Amino acid sequence: MPLPPPPTRRHSNQANNELLFKGCLCALIGLAVLVSPYFIKSPGMQGIVAGASPVGWFALVLGLAFGGLYLRRKFASTRSPGSSR
């Protein structure tokens, strides 16, 4: 008895576009949090924002991960359905 064909997942263009938007937004927020202490004049505020650097790194990595997932989905959708891995 032959095995059934593997399931195929199709993501809508809207879902892909939202993923790209989230990725860009998270990456921009992360970069803003990481770079902003160099432009803040007040030492107190500079220390507060610099203390939030783990949040900035997390947002940057999350944004890059969303962007990578978007590219993976885009690359998978451009391949022909009959091609092998």
C-alpha atoms as a PDB file:
ATOM      1  CA  MET A   1       0.000   0.000   0.000  1.00  0.00           C
ATOM      2  CA  PRO A   2       1.669   3.276  -1.076  1.00  0.00           C
ATOM      3  CA  LEU A   3       2.010   6.190   1.276  1.00  0.00           C
ATOM      4  CA  PRO A   4      -0.164   9.252   0.685  1.00  0.00           C
ATOM      5  CA  PRO A   5       1.520  12.361  -0.685  1.00  0.00           C
ATOM      6  CA  PRO A   6       2.969  14.733   1.905  1.00  0.00           C
ATOM      7  CA  PRO A   7       0.748  17.619   2.955  1.00  0.00           C
ATOM      8  CA  THR A   8       1.412  20.951   1.332  1.00  0.00           C
ATOM      9  CA  ARG A   9       1.086  24.199   3.226  1.00  0.00           C
ATOM     10  CA  ARG A  10       0.115  27.261   1.303  1.00  0.00           C
ATOM     11  CA  HIS A  11       0.396  30.634   2.978  1.00  0.00           C
ATOM     12  CA  SER A  12      -1.581  33.556   1.671  1.00  0.00           C
ATOM     13  CA  ASN A  13       0.143  36.656   0.360  1.00  0.00           C
ATOM     14  CA  GLN A  14      -1.451  38.660   3.153  1.00  0.00           C
ATOM     15  CA  ALA A  15       0.114  36.405   5.795  1.00  0.00           C
ATOM     16  CA  ASN A  16       3.514  36.707   4.115  1.00  0.00           C
ATOM     17  CA  ASN A  17       3.232  40.487   3.860  1.00  0.00           C
ATOM     18  CA  GLU A  18       2.248  40.748   7.534  1.00  0.00           C
ATOM     19  CA  LEU A  19       5.247  38.611   8.454  1.00  0.00           C
ATOM     20  CA  LEU A  20       7.546  40.924   6.506  1.00  0.00           C
ATOM     21  CA  PHE A  21       5.967  43.984   8.149  1.00  0.00           C
ATOM     22  CA  LYS A  22       6.406  42.506  11.637  1.00  0.00           C
ATOM     23  CA  GLY A  23      10.005  41.606  10.858  1.00  0.00           C
ATOM     24  CA  CYS A  24      10.888  45.092   9.649  1.00  0.00           C
ATOM     25  CA  LEU A  25       9.121  46.750  12.556  1.00  0.00           C
ATOM     26  CA  CYS A  26      10.802  44.550  15.187  1.00  0.00           C
ATOM     27  CA  ALA A  27      14.222  45.061  13.600  1.00  0.00           C
ATOM     28  CA  LEU A  28      13.744  48.839  13.513  1.00  0.00           C
ATOM     29  CA  ILE A  29      12.626  48.929  17.148  1.00  0.00           C
ATOM     30  CA  GLY A  30      15.604  46.818  18.154  1.00  0.00           C
ATOM     31  CA  LEU A  31      18.026  49.057  16.277  1.00  0.00           C
ATOM     32  CA  ALA A  32      16.435  52.168  17.772  1.00  0.00           C
ATOM     33  CA  VAL A  33      16.797  50.828  21.310  1.00  0.00           C
ATOM     34  CA  LEU A  34      20.415  49.814  20.717  1.00  0.00           C
ATOM     35  CA  VAL A  35      21.518  53.031  18.996  1.00  0.00           C
ATOM     36  CA  SER A  36      19.511  55.660  20.896  1.00  0.00           C
ATOM     37  CA  PRO A  37      21.752  55.865  24.031  1.00  0.00           C
ATOM     38  CA  TYR A  38      24.475  57.410  21.869  1.00  0.00           C
ATOM     39  CA  PHE A  39      22.181  60.289  20.887  1.00  0.00           C
ATOM     40  CA  ILE A  40      20.549  61.019  24.255  1.00  0.00           C
ATOM     41  CA  LYS A  41      22.116  63.950  26.107  1.00  0.00           C
ATOM     42  CA  SER A  42      20.750  63.307  29.618  1.00  0.00           C
ATOM     43  CA  PRO A  43      22.985  60.852  31.536  1.00  0.00           C
ATOM     44  CA  GLY A  44      20.057  59.514  33.560  1.00  0.00           C
ATOM     45  CA  MET A  45      17.924  58.814  30.534  1.00  0.00           C
ATOM     46  CA  GLN A  46      20.948  57.434  28.701  1.00  0.00           C
ATOM     47  CA  GLY A  47      21.478  54.910  31.516  1.00  0.00           C
ATOM     48  CA  ILE A  48      17.840  53.855  31.495  1.00  0.00           C
ATOM     49  CA  VAL A  49      17.769  53.257  27.753  1.00  0.00           C
ATOM     50  CA  ALA A  50      21.182  51.555  27.823  1.00  0.00           C
ATOM     51  CA  GLY A  51      19.825  49.191  30.489  1.00  0.00           C
ATOM     52  CA  ALA A  52      17.172  48.080  28.017  1.00  0.00           C
ATOM     53  CA  SER A  53      19.756  46.766  25.572  1.00  0.00           C
ATOM     54  CA  PRO A  54      18.708  43.094  26.065  1.00  0.00           C
ATOM     55  CA  VAL A  55      15.236  44.105  24.886  1.00  0.00           C
ATOM     56  CA  GLY A  56      16.784  45.768  21.852  1.00  0.00           C
ATOM     57  CA  TRP A  57      18.826  42.684  21.009  1.00  0.00           C
ATOM     58  CA  PHE A  58      15.757  40.473  21.431  1.00  0.00           C
ATOM     59  CA  ALA A  59      13.683  42.691  19.128  1.00  0.00           C
ATOM     60  CA  LEU A  60      16.475  42.762  16.549  1.00  0.00           C
ATOM     61  CA  VAL A  61      16.898  38.975  16.558  1.00  0.00           C
ATOM     62  CA  LEU A  62      13.136  38.454  16.434  1.00  0.00           C
ATOM     63  CA  GLY A  63      12.851  40.827  13.482  1.00  0.00           C
ATOM     64  CA  LEU A  64      15.635  39.022  11.638  1.00  0.00           C
ATOM     65  CA  ALA A  65      13.950  35.684  12.363  1.00  0.00           C
ATOM     66  CA  PHE A  66      10.657  36.966  10.942  1.00  0.00           C
ATOM     67  CA  GLY A  67      12.517  38.229   7.885  1.00  0.00           C
ATOM     68  CA  GLY A  68      14.234  34.863   7.454  1.00  0.00           C
ATOM     69  CA  LEU A  69      10.913  33.052   7.708  1.00  0.00           C
ATOM     70  CA  TYR A  70       9.452  35.405   5.108  1.00  0.00           C
ATOM     71  CA  LEU A  71      12.347  34.667   2.732  1.00  0.00           C
ATOM     72  CA  ARG A  72      12.013  30.936   3.370  1.00  0.00           C
ATOM     73  CA  ARG A  73       8.327  31.045   2.504  1.00  0.00           C
ATOM     74  CA  LYS A  74       8.995  33.153  -0.585  1.00  0.00           C
ATOM     75  CA  PHE A  75      11.741  30.783  -1.756  1.00  0.00           C
ATOM     76  CA  ALA A  76       9.554  27.726  -1.133  1.00  0.00           C
ATOM     77  CA  SER A  77       6.664  29.243  -3.092  1.00  0.00           C
ATOM     78  CA  THR A  78       8.856  29.995  -6.125  1.00  0.00           C
ATOM     79  CA  ARG A  79      10.095  26.405  -6.411  1.00  0.00           C
ATOM     80  CA  SER A  80       8.091  24.177  -8.674  1.00  0.00           C
ATOM     81  CA  PRO A  81       5.750  21.828  -6.767  1.00  0.00           C
ATOM     82  CA  GLY A  82       7.135  18.735  -8.456  1.00  0.00           C
ATOM     83  CA  SER A  83      10.785  19.321  -7.527  1.00  0.00           C
ATOM     84  CA  SER A  84      12.461  17.274  -4.851  1.00  0.00           C
ATOM     85  CA  ARG A  85      14.189  18.646  -1.750  1.00  0.00           C
END
